[in-house]
Amino acid sequence: MSINAVDFASLLCSRLCHDLLSPVGALNNGLELLADEHDPDMRARCLELLSESAKASANKLKFFRLAFGAAGGFGETIDSREARAAIEGLFGDTQRVKLGWLVEDPILPKAGIKVLLNLALIAGDALIRGGQLDVGAECVGDQVEIVVRADGPRIVLDAELRTALTGGAVDAAVTPRAAAACLVHALVTEANGTIQVSEPNDPVLLFGATLKVARP
């Protein structure tokens, strides 16, 4: 699979707009309801919903800024605690996905953090009915090794995402859903690394990635 920079930017923007549409739309609807509502209990409920939507929007923006953007500064490493906070913010509020954090290194190379975050995003989205999301990473010599595991009552990894992660050939145009997978593949390839994906019929979803980078 190959995709030029302009097409990838378009996919990424479409993905961000799609994911932010729901919480931002809820904010707009809540404000409209609040303007017409005079019952104190209903106004309190509207304010509660507005607060939840605002928090969800902020958490998504923080995650996307770190996973896709230039958050973390222009250095070569990022505090791994920032990655944990971003994943917890994205999935933690709904209680749909429980996070297991298995990263002991206090800092990781920036490319490793971005791969970790995007694999966590893909795996978390694959947990259709929720479940357990375990994220692990460590620096070993000149490599960063990353493992992401998703386990739940129903796991669905779209074939397009699987193909994008492994860099396989596709018969149709790449859609915005595959933006995170395309980024993972590009980062791993650039770092002369490898990416592994469990088989479709396996009971759990497992991602493994290695990136050849200097130890921070």
N, C-alpha and C. Protein backbone atom coordinates (compact mmCIF):
# COMPACT_ATOMS: atom_id res chain seq x y z
N MET A 1 0.84 -1.19 0.00
CA MET A 1 0.00 0.00 0.00
C MET A 1 0.88 1.25 0.00
N SER A 2 0.62 2.16 -0.91
CA SER A 2 1.36 3.43 -0.93
C SER A 2 0.36 4.56 -1.01
N ILE A 3 0.66 5.64 -0.31
CA ILE A 3 -0.22 6.80 -0.28
C ILE A 3 0.64 8.05 -0.15
N ASN A 4 0.35 9.07 -0.96
CA ASN A 4 1.19 10.26 -0.91
C ASN A 4 0.79 11.15 0.26
N ALA A 5 1.64 12.15 0.54
CA ALA A 5 1.47 12.98 1.73
C ALA A 5 0.16 13.77 1.70
N VAL A 6 -0.23 14.25 0.52
CA VAL A 6 -1.45 15.04 0.42
C VAL A 6 -2.68 14.17 0.70
N ASP A 7 -2.70 12.97 0.12
CA ASP A 7 -3.83 12.07 0.36
C ASP A 7 -3.91 11.66 1.82
N PHE A 8 -2.73 11.42 2.42
CA PHE A 8 -2.75 11.04 3.83
C PHE A 8 -3.27 12.19 4.70
N ALA A 9 -2.86 13.42 4.40
CA ALA A 9 -3.35 14.58 5.15
C ALA A 9 -4.87 14.69 5.04
N SER A 10 -5.39 14.40 3.85
CA SER A 10 -6.84 14.44 3.66
C SER A 10 -7.54 13.36 4.48
N LEU A 11 -6.96 12.15 4.48
CA LEU A 11 -7.53 11.06 5.27
C LEU A 11 -7.53 11.41 6.75
N LEU A 12 -6.43 11.98 7.21
CA LEU A 12 -6.30 12.32 8.62
C LEU A 12 -7.31 13.39 9.03
N CYS A 13 -7.45 14.42 8.21
CA CYS A 13 -8.42 15.47 8.52
C CYS A 13 -9.84 14.92 8.55
N SER A 14 -10.15 14.04 7.62
CA SER A 14 -11.49 13.43 7.60
C SER A 14 -11.72 12.59 8.85
N ARG A 15 -10.69 11.86 9.28
CA ARG A 15 -10.83 11.03 10.49
C ARG A 15 -11.06 11.91 11.71
N LEU A 16 -10.30 12.99 11.83
CA LEU A 16 -10.46 13.89 12.98
C LEU A 16 -11.85 14.50 13.00
N CYS A 17 -12.31 14.96 11.84
CA CYS A 17 -13.64 15.58 11.77
C CYS A 17 -14.72 14.58 12.15
N HIS A 18 -14.58 13.34 11.69
CA HIS A 18 -15.57 12.31 12.00
C HIS A 18 -15.63 12.04 13.49
N ASP A 19 -14.47 11.91 14.13
CA ASP A 19 -14.43 11.57 15.55
C ASP A 19 -14.87 12.72 16.45
N LEU A 20 -14.69 13.94 15.97
CA LEU A 20 -15.06 15.10 16.79
C LEU A 20 -16.49 15.56 16.53
N LEU A 21 -17.10 15.07 15.47
CA LEU A 21 -18.44 15.52 15.11
C LEU A 21 -19.45 15.19 16.20
N SER A 22 -19.37 13.99 16.79
CA SER A 22 -20.35 13.58 17.79
C SER A 22 -20.31 14.44 19.05
N PRO A 23 -19.15 14.59 19.73
CA PRO A 23 -19.15 15.40 20.95
C PRO A 23 -19.40 16.88 20.69
N VAL A 24 -18.90 17.41 19.57
CA VAL A 24 -19.14 18.82 19.27
C VAL A 24 -20.60 19.04 18.90
N GLY A 25 -21.19 18.10 18.16
CA GLY A 25 -22.61 18.20 17.84
C GLY A 25 -23.47 18.13 19.08
N ALA A 26 -23.05 17.30 20.05
CA ALA A 26 -23.79 17.22 21.31
C ALA A 26 -23.72 18.54 22.07
N LEU A 27 -22.58 19.20 22.00
CA LEU A 27 -22.46 20.52 22.63
C LEU A 27 -23.45 21.51 22.01
N ASN A 28 -23.53 21.52 20.70
CA ASN A 28 -24.44 22.43 20.01
C ASN A 28 -25.89 22.13 20.36
N ASN A 29 -26.25 20.84 20.38
CA ASN A 29 -27.63 20.46 20.72
C ASN A 29 -27.95 20.82 22.16
N GLY A 30 -26.98 20.62 23.04
CA GLY A 30 -27.20 20.95 24.45
C GLY A 30 -27.43 22.43 24.67
N LEU A 31 -26.67 23.25 23.95
CA LEU A 31 -26.86 24.70 24.08
C LEU A 31 -28.22 25.14 23.57
N GLU A 32 -28.68 24.51 22.49
CA GLU A 32 -30.01 24.84 21.97
C GLU A 32 -31.10 24.45 22.97
N LEU A 33 -30.96 23.28 23.57
CA LEU A 33 -31.93 22.85 24.58
C LEU A 33 -31.91 23.76 25.79
N LEU A 34 -30.72 24.15 26.20
CA LEU A 34 -30.58 25.00 27.38
C LEU A 34 -31.25 26.36 27.17
N ALA A 35 -31.16 26.87 25.95
CA ALA A 35 -31.74 28.17 25.65
C ALA A 35 -33.27 28.16 25.76
N ASP A 36 -33.89 27.00 25.50
CA ASP A 36 -35.35 26.90 25.52
C ASP A 36 -35.90 26.25 26.78
N GLU A 37 -35.03 25.81 27.68
CA GLU A 37 -35.47 25.07 28.86
C GLU A 37 -35.48 25.97 30.08
N HIS A 38 -36.60 25.91 30.84
CA HIS A 38 -36.72 26.76 32.03
C HIS A 38 -36.86 25.94 33.32
N ASP A 39 -37.11 24.65 33.19
CA ASP A 39 -37.21 23.80 34.38
C ASP A 39 -35.81 23.63 34.99
N PRO A 40 -35.67 23.93 36.30
CA PRO A 40 -34.35 23.87 36.94
C PRO A 40 -33.69 22.49 36.83
N ASP A 41 -34.46 21.43 37.02
CA ASP A 41 -33.88 20.08 36.94
C ASP A 41 -33.39 19.76 35.52
N MET A 42 -34.18 20.15 34.53
CA MET A 42 -33.79 19.89 33.15
C MET A 42 -32.58 20.74 32.75
N ARG A 43 -32.52 21.96 33.24
CA ARG A 43 -31.37 22.82 32.95
C ARG A 43 -30.10 22.23 33.58
N ALA A 44 -30.25 21.68 34.77
CA ALA A 44 -29.10 21.04 35.43
C ALA A 44 -28.63 19.85 34.63
N ARG A 45 -29.58 19.07 34.09
CA ARG A 45 -29.23 17.91 33.27
C ARG A 45 -28.55 18.34 31.98
N CYS A 46 -29.05 19.43 31.39
CA CYS A 46 -28.42 19.95 30.16
C CYS A 46 -26.98 20.37 30.43
N LEU A 47 -26.77 21.05 31.55
CA LEU A 47 -25.41 21.48 31.89
C LEU A 47 -24.50 20.28 32.13
N GLU A 48 -25.05 19.23 32.71
CA GLU A 48 -24.27 18.01 32.94
C GLU A 48 -23.85 17.38 31.61
N LEU A 49 -24.80 17.32 30.67
CA LEU A 49 -24.49 16.76 29.35
C LEU A 49 -23.48 17.63 28.61
N LEU A 50 -23.61 18.94 28.74
CA LEU A 50 -22.65 19.85 28.12
C LEU A 50 -21.25 19.63 28.66
N SER A 51 -21.16 19.44 29.98
CA SER A 51 -19.87 19.21 30.61
C SER A 51 -19.24 17.91 30.10
N GLU A 52 -20.06 16.86 29.99
CA GLU A 52 -19.56 15.57 29.50
C GLU A 52 -19.08 15.68 28.06
N SER A 53 -19.84 16.39 27.22
CA SER A 53 -19.46 16.53 25.81
C SER A 53 -18.20 17.37 25.66
N ALA A 54 -18.09 18.42 26.48
CA ALA A 54 -16.90 19.27 26.42
C ALA A 54 -15.65 18.48 26.84
N LYS A 55 -15.79 17.66 27.88
CA LYS A 55 -14.67 16.85 28.34
C LYS A 55 -14.28 15.82 27.29
N ALA A 56 -15.27 15.20 26.66
CA ALA A 56 -14.99 14.21 25.62
C ALA A 56 -14.27 14.86 24.44
N SER A 57 -14.70 16.06 24.06
CA SER A 57 -14.05 16.78 22.96
C SER A 57 -12.61 17.10 23.30
N ALA A 58 -12.38 17.59 24.52
CA ALA A 58 -11.02 17.95 24.95
C ALA A 58 -10.13 16.72 24.99
N ASN A 59 -10.65 15.59 25.49
CA ASN A 59 -9.85 14.37 25.57
C ASN A 59 -9.47 13.86 24.19
N LYS A 60 -10.41 13.92 23.26
CA LYS A 60 -10.11 13.49 21.89
C LYS A 60 -9.05 14.38 21.26
N LEU A 61 -9.17 15.68 21.48
CA LEU A 61 -8.19 16.60 20.91
C LEU A 61 -6.80 16.37 21.49
N LYS A 62 -6.72 16.13 22.79
CA LYS A 62 -5.43 15.86 23.42
C LYS A 62 -4.81 14.59 22.86
N PHE A 63 -5.64 13.56 22.68
CA PHE A 63 -5.13 12.30 22.14
C PHE A 63 -4.64 12.50 20.71
N PHE A 64 -5.46 13.11 19.87
CA PHE A 64 -5.09 13.27 18.47
C PHE A 64 -3.86 14.17 18.31
N ARG A 65 -3.73 15.16 19.17
CA ARG A 65 -2.57 16.05 19.09
C ARG A 65 -1.28 15.28 19.35
N LEU A 66 -1.34 14.33 20.29
CA LEU A 66 -0.16 13.54 20.62
C LEU A 66 0.05 12.42 19.61
N ALA A 67 -1.04 11.79 19.17
CA ALA A 67 -0.93 10.64 18.26
C ALA A 67 -0.61 11.05 16.83
N PHE A 68 -1.18 12.19 16.39
CA PHE A 68 -1.02 12.60 15.00
C PHE A 68 -0.20 13.87 14.83
N GLY A 69 -0.19 14.73 15.84
CA GLY A 69 0.40 16.05 15.69
C GLY A 69 1.79 16.17 16.29
N ALA A 70 2.14 17.41 16.65
CA ALA A 70 3.48 17.72 17.14
C ALA A 70 3.51 17.91 18.65
N ALA A 71 2.52 17.38 19.36
CA ALA A 71 2.53 17.49 20.82
C ALA A 71 3.74 16.76 21.38
N GLY A 72 4.22 17.23 22.53
CA GLY A 72 5.41 16.64 23.13
C GLY A 72 6.67 17.39 22.78
N GLY A 73 6.53 18.48 21.99
CA GLY A 73 7.69 19.29 21.66
C GLY A 73 8.43 18.75 20.44
N PHE A 74 9.59 19.35 20.18
CA PHE A 74 10.36 19.00 18.99
C PHE A 74 11.55 18.11 19.33
N GLY A 75 11.62 17.61 20.54
CA GLY A 75 12.67 16.69 20.91
C GLY A 75 12.43 15.31 20.34
N GLU A 76 13.37 14.41 20.60
CA GLU A 76 13.28 13.06 20.05
C GLU A 76 12.52 12.10 20.96
N THR A 77 12.21 12.51 22.19
CA THR A 77 11.53 11.63 23.13
C THR A 77 10.29 12.31 23.72
N ILE A 78 9.40 11.49 24.28
CA ILE A 78 8.18 11.98 24.93
C ILE A 78 8.00 11.20 26.22
N ASP A 79 7.52 11.87 27.25
CA ASP A 79 7.21 11.23 28.52
C ASP A 79 6.10 10.20 28.30
N SER A 80 6.37 8.96 28.67
CA SER A 80 5.38 7.90 28.44
C SER A 80 4.11 8.12 29.25
N ARG A 81 4.19 8.90 30.34
CA ARG A 81 3.00 9.19 31.12
C ARG A 81 1.99 10.01 30.32
N GLU A 82 2.48 10.83 29.39
CA GLU A 82 1.57 11.59 28.53
C GLU A 82 0.75 10.64 27.66
N ALA A 83 1.40 9.59 27.16
CA ALA A 83 0.68 8.62 26.33
C ALA A 83 -0.39 7.90 27.13
N ARG A 84 -0.03 7.52 28.37
CA ARG A 84 -1.01 6.84 29.21
C ARG A 84 -2.21 7.74 29.49
N ALA A 85 -1.95 8.99 29.82
CA ALA A 85 -3.04 9.93 30.11
C ALA A 85 -3.93 10.13 28.89
N ALA A 86 -3.31 10.15 27.70
CA ALA A 86 -4.08 10.35 26.48
C ALA A 86 -5.01 9.16 26.22
N ILE A 87 -4.51 7.95 26.41
CA ILE A 87 -5.34 6.75 26.19
C ILE A 87 -6.44 6.67 27.24
N GLU A 88 -6.10 6.95 28.50
CA GLU A 88 -7.12 6.92 29.56
C GLU A 88 -8.20 7.96 29.29
N GLY A 89 -7.81 9.14 28.80
CA GLY A 89 -8.79 10.17 28.50
C GLY A 89 -9.71 9.77 27.36
N LEU A 90 -9.14 9.06 26.37
CA LEU A 90 -9.93 8.68 25.20
C LEU A 90 -10.94 7.59 25.53
N PHE A 91 -10.53 6.60 26.33
CA PHE A 91 -11.38 5.45 26.61
C PHE A 91 -11.91 5.38 28.03
N GLY A 92 -11.24 6.06 28.97
CA GLY A 92 -11.54 5.86 30.38
C GLY A 92 -12.90 6.34 30.84
N ASP A 93 -13.38 7.46 30.29
CA ASP A 93 -14.62 8.05 30.79
C ASP A 93 -15.84 7.17 30.54
N THR A 94 -15.82 6.42 29.45
CA THR A 94 -16.99 5.60 29.11
C THR A 94 -17.02 4.30 29.91
N GLN A 95 -15.90 3.92 30.49
CA GLN A 95 -15.78 2.65 31.21
C GLN A 95 -16.00 1.46 30.29
N ARG A 96 -16.04 1.71 28.99
CA ARG A 96 -16.24 0.63 28.02
C ARG A 96 -14.98 -0.20 27.87
N VAL A 97 -13.84 0.47 27.96
CA VAL A 97 -12.55 -0.19 27.77
C VAL A 97 -11.70 0.00 29.03
N LYS A 98 -11.19 -1.10 29.56
CA LYS A 98 -10.31 -1.05 30.72
C LYS A 98 -8.86 -1.13 30.24
N LEU A 99 -8.03 -0.20 30.71
CA LEU A 99 -6.65 -0.12 30.25
C LEU A 99 -5.70 -0.81 31.21
N GLY A 100 -4.84 -1.66 30.64
CA GLY A 100 -3.73 -2.24 31.37
C GLY A 100 -2.44 -1.61 30.85
N TRP A 101 -1.71 -0.90 31.70
CA TRP A 101 -0.52 -0.16 31.26
C TRP A 101 0.73 -0.91 31.70
N LEU A 102 1.51 -1.35 30.71
CA LEU A 102 2.67 -2.18 30.98
C LEU A 102 3.94 -1.53 30.42
N VAL A 103 4.07 -0.24 30.65
CA VAL A 103 5.22 0.53 30.17
C VAL A 103 5.97 1.08 31.38
N GLU A 104 7.21 0.64 31.56
CA GLU A 104 8.00 1.09 32.70
C GLU A 104 8.97 2.21 32.34
N ASP A 105 9.40 2.28 31.09
CA ASP A 105 10.34 3.33 30.68
C ASP A 105 9.67 4.69 30.84
N PRO A 106 10.31 5.64 31.53
CA PRO A 106 9.69 6.95 31.74
C PRO A 106 9.59 7.78 30.47
N ILE A 107 10.50 7.55 29.53
CA ILE A 107 10.43 8.25 28.25
C ILE A 107 10.64 7.24 27.13
N LEU A 108 10.05 7.54 25.97
CA LEU A 108 10.20 6.70 24.79
C LEU A 108 10.42 7.60 23.58
N PRO A 109 11.06 7.07 22.54
CA PRO A 109 11.22 7.87 21.31
C PRO A 109 9.86 8.32 20.78
N LYS A 110 9.85 9.49 20.18
CA LYS A 110 8.58 10.06 19.70
C LYS A 110 7.88 9.13 18.72
N ALA A 111 8.63 8.52 17.79
CA ALA A 111 8.01 7.62 16.83
C ALA A 111 7.37 6.43 17.53
N GLY A 112 8.03 5.92 18.58
CA GLY A 112 7.48 4.81 19.34
C GLY A 112 6.18 5.18 20.03
N ILE A 113 6.13 6.38 20.60
CA ILE A 113 4.90 6.86 21.26
C ILE A 113 3.76 6.95 20.26
N LYS A 114 4.04 7.46 19.07
CA LYS A 114 2.98 7.62 18.07
C LYS A 114 2.48 6.26 17.59
N VAL A 115 3.39 5.31 17.40
CA VAL A 115 2.96 3.96 17.01
C VAL A 115 2.12 3.34 18.12
N LEU A 116 2.58 3.47 19.34
CA LEU A 116 1.85 2.92 20.50
C LEU A 116 0.44 3.51 20.58
N LEU A 117 0.33 4.82 20.46
CA LEU A 117 -0.98 5.47 20.57
C LEU A 117 -1.92 5.05 19.44
N ASN A 118 -1.41 4.99 18.23
CA ASN A 118 -2.27 4.64 17.11
C ASN A 118 -2.68 3.18 17.14
N LEU A 119 -1.79 2.31 17.58
CA LEU A 119 -2.19 0.91 17.73
C LEU A 119 -3.23 0.76 18.84
N ALA A 120 -3.08 1.53 19.91
CA ALA A 120 -4.07 1.50 20.99
C ALA A 120 -5.42 2.01 20.49
N LEU A 121 -5.41 3.04 19.65
CA LEU A 121 -6.65 3.57 19.08
C LEU A 121 -7.35 2.52 18.22
N ILE A 122 -6.58 1.86 17.37
CA ILE A 122 -7.15 0.83 16.49
C ILE A 122 -7.70 -0.33 17.31
N ALA A 123 -6.92 -0.78 18.29
CA ALA A 123 -7.34 -1.92 19.12
C ALA A 123 -8.56 -1.56 19.96
N GLY A 124 -8.59 -0.36 20.53
CA GLY A 124 -9.73 0.06 21.33
C GLY A 124 -11.00 0.16 20.50
N ASP A 125 -10.89 0.67 19.28
CA ASP A 125 -12.04 0.75 18.39
C ASP A 125 -12.54 -0.64 17.99
N ALA A 126 -11.62 -1.61 17.96
CA ALA A 126 -12.00 -2.97 17.57
C ALA A 126 -12.81 -3.68 18.65
N LEU A 127 -12.74 -3.16 19.88
CA LEU A 127 -13.52 -3.75 20.99
C LEU A 127 -14.95 -3.21 20.92
N ILE A 128 -15.73 -3.79 20.05
CA ILE A 128 -17.08 -3.29 19.76
C ILE A 128 -17.94 -3.21 21.02
N ARG A 129 -17.84 -4.22 21.87
CA ARG A 129 -18.63 -4.26 23.11
C ARG A 129 -17.78 -4.01 24.34
N GLY A 130 -16.64 -3.38 24.15
CA GLY A 130 -15.75 -3.10 25.28
C GLY A 130 -14.89 -4.30 25.62
N GLY A 131 -14.03 -4.10 26.62
CA GLY A 131 -13.16 -5.18 27.03
C GLY A 131 -11.87 -4.66 27.62
N GLN A 132 -10.83 -5.46 27.54
CA GLN A 132 -9.54 -5.16 28.12
C GLN A 132 -8.55 -4.75 27.03
N LEU A 133 -7.89 -3.62 27.26
CA LEU A 133 -6.86 -3.13 26.34
C LEU A 133 -5.55 -3.05 27.10
N ASP A 134 -4.59 -3.88 26.73
CA ASP A 134 -3.28 -3.90 27.39
C ASP A 134 -2.24 -3.31 26.45
N VAL A 135 -1.45 -2.37 26.98
CA VAL A 135 -0.44 -1.68 26.18
C VAL A 135 0.91 -1.83 26.85
N GLY A 136 1.88 -2.35 26.12
CA GLY A 136 3.22 -2.54 26.66
C GLY A 136 4.27 -2.02 25.70
N ALA A 137 5.39 -1.53 26.24
CA ALA A 137 6.50 -1.06 25.41
C ALA A 137 7.76 -1.00 26.25
N GLU A 138 8.90 -1.23 25.61
CA GLU A 138 10.17 -1.08 26.29
C GLU A 138 11.28 -0.86 25.27
N CYS A 139 12.33 -0.19 25.72
CA CYS A 139 13.52 0.00 24.89
C CYS A 139 14.49 -1.15 25.16
N VAL A 140 14.91 -1.81 24.11
CA VAL A 140 15.86 -2.91 24.22
C VAL A 140 16.99 -2.64 23.23
N GLY A 141 18.12 -2.20 23.74
CA GLY A 141 19.23 -1.84 22.85
C GLY A 141 18.84 -0.68 21.95
N ASP A 142 18.94 -0.91 20.64
CA ASP A 142 18.61 0.16 19.70
C ASP A 142 17.20 -0.01 19.14
N GLN A 143 16.36 -0.74 19.85
CA GLN A 143 14.99 -0.96 19.39
C GLN A 143 13.97 -0.57 20.45
N VAL A 144 12.81 -0.18 19.97
CA VAL A 144 11.63 -0.03 20.83
C VAL A 144 10.68 -1.15 20.45
N GLU A 145 10.27 -1.93 21.43
CA GLU A 145 9.35 -3.03 21.20
C GLU A 145 7.99 -2.68 21.81
N ILE A 146 6.95 -2.81 21.01
CA ILE A 146 5.60 -2.40 21.42
C ILE A 146 4.64 -3.58 21.23
N VAL A 147 3.81 -3.80 22.23
CA VAL A 147 2.78 -4.83 22.15
C VAL A 147 1.46 -4.23 22.61
N VAL A 148 0.41 -4.43 21.82
CA VAL A 148 -0.94 -3.97 22.18
C VAL A 148 -1.87 -5.16 22.03
N ARG A 149 -2.63 -5.42 23.08
CA ARG A 149 -3.53 -6.59 23.10
C ARG A 149 -4.94 -6.16 23.46
N ALA A 150 -5.91 -6.62 22.68
CA ALA A 150 -7.32 -6.31 22.93
C ALA A 150 -8.08 -7.62 23.13
N ASP A 151 -8.85 -7.68 24.21
CA ASP A 151 -9.62 -8.89 24.52
C ASP A 151 -11.01 -8.48 24.98
N GLY A 152 -12.03 -9.03 24.36
CA GLY A 152 -13.40 -8.68 24.72
C GLY A 152 -14.38 -9.63 24.09
N PRO A 153 -15.68 -9.45 24.40
CA PRO A 153 -16.71 -10.37 23.89
C PRO A 153 -16.88 -10.32 22.38
N ARG A 154 -16.53 -9.18 21.76
CA ARG A 154 -16.60 -9.10 20.29
C ARG A 154 -15.49 -8.18 19.81
N ILE A 155 -14.65 -8.71 18.93
CA ILE A 155 -13.53 -7.96 18.39
C ILE A 155 -13.65 -7.93 16.87
N VAL A 156 -13.64 -6.72 16.31
CA VAL A 156 -13.76 -6.57 14.86
C VAL A 156 -12.66 -5.64 14.36
N LEU A 157 -11.73 -6.20 13.60
CA LEU A 157 -10.69 -5.40 12.95
C LEU A 157 -10.98 -5.42 11.46
N ASP A 158 -11.34 -4.27 10.92
CA ASP A 158 -11.68 -4.16 9.51
C ASP A 158 -10.52 -4.63 8.65
N ALA A 159 -10.84 -5.32 7.57
CA ALA A 159 -9.80 -5.83 6.66
C ALA A 159 -8.94 -4.70 6.10
N GLU A 160 -9.55 -3.54 5.88
CA GLU A 160 -8.80 -2.40 5.35
C GLU A 160 -7.70 -1.97 6.33
N LEU A 161 -8.01 -1.98 7.62
CA LEU A 161 -7.03 -1.59 8.62
C LEU A 161 -5.91 -2.62 8.71
N ARG A 162 -6.28 -3.89 8.64
CA ARG A 162 -5.27 -4.96 8.67
C ARG A 162 -4.31 -4.80 7.49
N THR A 163 -4.87 -4.53 6.31
CA THR A 163 -4.05 -4.37 5.11
C THR A 163 -3.15 -3.13 5.22
N ALA A 164 -3.72 -2.04 5.74
CA ALA A 164 -2.94 -0.81 5.88
C ALA A 164 -1.79 -0.98 6.86
N LEU A 165 -2.02 -1.71 7.95
CA LEU A 165 -0.97 -1.93 8.94
C LEU A 165 0.19 -2.72 8.35
N THR A 166 -0.11 -3.73 7.57
CA THR A 166 0.92 -4.61 7.03
C THR A 166 1.48 -4.13 5.70
N GLY A 167 0.86 -3.08 5.13
CA GLY A 167 1.36 -2.55 3.87
C GLY A 167 0.99 -3.37 2.67
N GLY A 168 -0.08 -4.15 2.76
CA GLY A 168 -0.51 -4.99 1.64
C GLY A 168 -1.20 -4.19 0.55
N ALA A 169 -1.41 -4.84 -0.58
CA ALA A 169 -2.07 -4.19 -1.71
C ALA A 169 -3.57 -4.11 -1.46
N VAL A 170 -4.19 -3.03 -1.95
CA VAL A 170 -5.64 -2.84 -1.80
C VAL A 170 -6.28 -2.69 -3.17
N ASP A 171 -7.54 -3.10 -3.24
CA ASP A 171 -8.26 -3.04 -4.51
C ASP A 171 -9.09 -1.77 -4.64
N ALA A 172 -9.30 -1.06 -3.53
CA ALA A 172 -10.14 0.14 -3.55
C ALA A 172 -9.39 1.29 -2.88
N ALA A 173 -9.96 2.49 -2.99
CA ALA A 173 -9.34 3.66 -2.39
C ALA A 173 -9.33 3.53 -0.87
N VAL A 174 -8.27 4.02 -0.26
CA VAL A 174 -8.15 4.00 1.20
C VAL A 174 -9.12 5.01 1.79
N THR A 175 -9.82 4.62 2.87
CA THR A 175 -10.79 5.50 3.52
C THR A 175 -10.20 6.13 4.77
N PRO A 176 -10.83 7.18 5.30
CA PRO A 176 -10.32 7.84 6.52
C PRO A 176 -10.18 6.91 7.72
N ARG A 177 -10.94 5.83 7.77
CA ARG A 177 -10.84 4.90 8.90
C ARG A 177 -9.44 4.31 9.00
N ALA A 178 -8.72 4.26 7.89
CA ALA A 178 -7.41 3.64 7.87
C ALA A 178 -6.28 4.62 8.14
N ALA A 179 -6.59 5.87 8.48
CA ALA A 179 -5.54 6.88 8.66
C ALA A 179 -4.53 6.47 9.73
N ALA A 180 -5.01 6.01 10.88
CA ALA A 180 -4.11 5.62 11.96
C ALA A 180 -3.24 4.44 11.55
N ALA A 181 -3.82 3.47 10.85
CA ALA A 181 -3.07 2.30 10.40
C ALA A 181 -2.01 2.69 9.38
N CYS A 182 -2.35 3.61 8.48
CA CYS A 182 -1.38 4.09 7.49
C CYS A 182 -0.20 4.78 8.17
N LEU A 183 -0.49 5.55 9.21
CA LEU A 183 0.57 6.25 9.93
C LEU A 183 1.48 5.26 10.63
N VAL A 184 0.90 4.23 11.26
CA VAL A 184 1.71 3.21 11.92
C VAL A 184 2.65 2.55 10.92
N HIS A 185 2.11 2.15 9.79
CA HIS A 185 2.93 1.49 8.78
C HIS A 185 4.06 2.40 8.31
N ALA A 186 3.75 3.67 8.07
CA ALA A 186 4.76 4.61 7.59
C ALA A 186 5.88 4.81 8.63
N LEU A 187 5.50 4.96 9.90
CA LEU A 187 6.50 5.18 10.96
C LEU A 187 7.38 3.95 11.16
N VAL A 188 6.76 2.77 11.14
CA VAL A 188 7.52 1.53 11.32
C VAL A 188 8.47 1.31 10.14
N THR A 189 7.98 1.57 8.93
CA THR A 189 8.82 1.40 7.74
C THR A 189 9.99 2.36 7.76
N GLU A 190 9.72 3.61 8.11
CA GLU A 190 10.78 4.63 8.17
C GLU A 190 11.86 4.26 9.18
N ALA A 191 11.45 3.58 10.26
CA ALA A 191 12.39 3.21 11.32
C ALA A 191 12.99 1.81 11.09
N ASN A 192 12.83 1.28 9.88
CA ASN A 192 13.36 -0.05 9.55
C ASN A 192 12.89 -1.10 10.55
N GLY A 193 11.62 -1.00 10.91
CA GLY A 193 11.06 -1.92 11.89
C GLY A 193 10.13 -2.94 11.27
N THR A 194 9.38 -3.61 12.13
CA THR A 194 8.43 -4.62 11.68
C THR A 194 7.11 -4.44 12.42
N ILE A 195 6.04 -4.92 11.79
CA ILE A 195 4.72 -4.87 12.41
C ILE A 195 4.06 -6.23 12.23
N GLN A 196 3.47 -6.74 13.30
CA GLN A 196 2.79 -8.03 13.25
C GLN A 196 1.36 -7.87 13.75
N VAL A 197 0.45 -8.61 13.12
CA VAL A 197 -0.96 -8.57 13.48
C VAL A 197 -1.44 -10.01 13.64
N SER A 198 -2.18 -10.28 14.70
CA SER A 198 -2.71 -11.63 14.92
C SER A 198 -3.67 -12.01 13.81
N GLU A 199 -3.90 -13.30 13.67
CA GLU A 199 -4.78 -13.81 12.62
C GLU A 199 -6.24 -13.45 12.90
N PRO A 200 -7.06 -13.30 11.86
CA PRO A 200 -8.47 -12.92 12.04
C PRO A 200 -9.25 -13.84 12.97
N ASN A 201 -8.94 -15.11 12.99
CA ASN A 201 -9.70 -16.06 13.80
C ASN A 201 -9.16 -16.24 15.21
N ASP A 202 -8.09 -15.55 15.55
CA ASP A 202 -7.54 -15.65 16.91
C ASP A 202 -8.52 -15.08 17.92
N PRO A 203 -8.59 -15.63 19.13
CA PRO A 203 -9.56 -15.17 20.13
C PRO A 203 -9.29 -13.77 20.67
N VAL A 204 -8.04 -13.30 20.55
CA VAL A 204 -7.71 -11.93 20.97
C VAL A 204 -7.02 -11.23 19.80
N LEU A 205 -7.07 -9.90 19.84
CA LEU A 205 -6.38 -9.09 18.83
C LEU A 205 -5.03 -8.67 19.39
N LEU A 206 -3.98 -8.96 18.65
CA LEU A 206 -2.63 -8.69 19.14
C LEU A 206 -1.83 -7.97 18.07
N PHE A 207 -1.24 -6.83 18.46
CA PHE A 207 -0.32 -6.09 17.60
C PHE A 207 1.07 -6.12 18.19
N GLY A 208 2.07 -6.32 17.34
CA GLY A 208 3.45 -6.23 17.79
C GLY A 208 4.23 -5.36 16.82
N ALA A 209 5.03 -4.45 17.34
CA ALA A 209 5.81 -3.56 16.48
C ALA A 209 7.19 -3.34 17.07
N THR A 210 8.18 -3.30 16.20
CA THR A 210 9.53 -2.94 16.62
C THR A 210 10.02 -1.80 15.74
N LEU A 211 10.71 -0.85 16.36
CA LEU A 211 11.29 0.28 15.63
C LEU A 211 12.76 0.35 15.99
N LYS A 212 13.62 0.46 15.00
CA LYS A 212 15.04 0.58 15.25
C LYS A 212 15.39 2.05 15.43
N VAL A 213 15.51 2.46 16.68
CA VAL A 213 15.84 3.85 17.00
C VAL A 213 16.83 3.86 18.16
N ALA A 214 17.52 4.97 18.32
CA ALA A 214 18.49 5.09 19.41
C ALA A 214 17.75 5.12 20.74
N ARG A 215 18.27 4.45 21.74
CA ARG A 215 17.66 4.45 23.07
C ARG A 215 17.73 5.85 23.65
N PRO A 216 16.59 6.38 24.19
CA PRO A 216 16.60 7.73 24.74
C PRO A 216 17.47 7.81 25.99
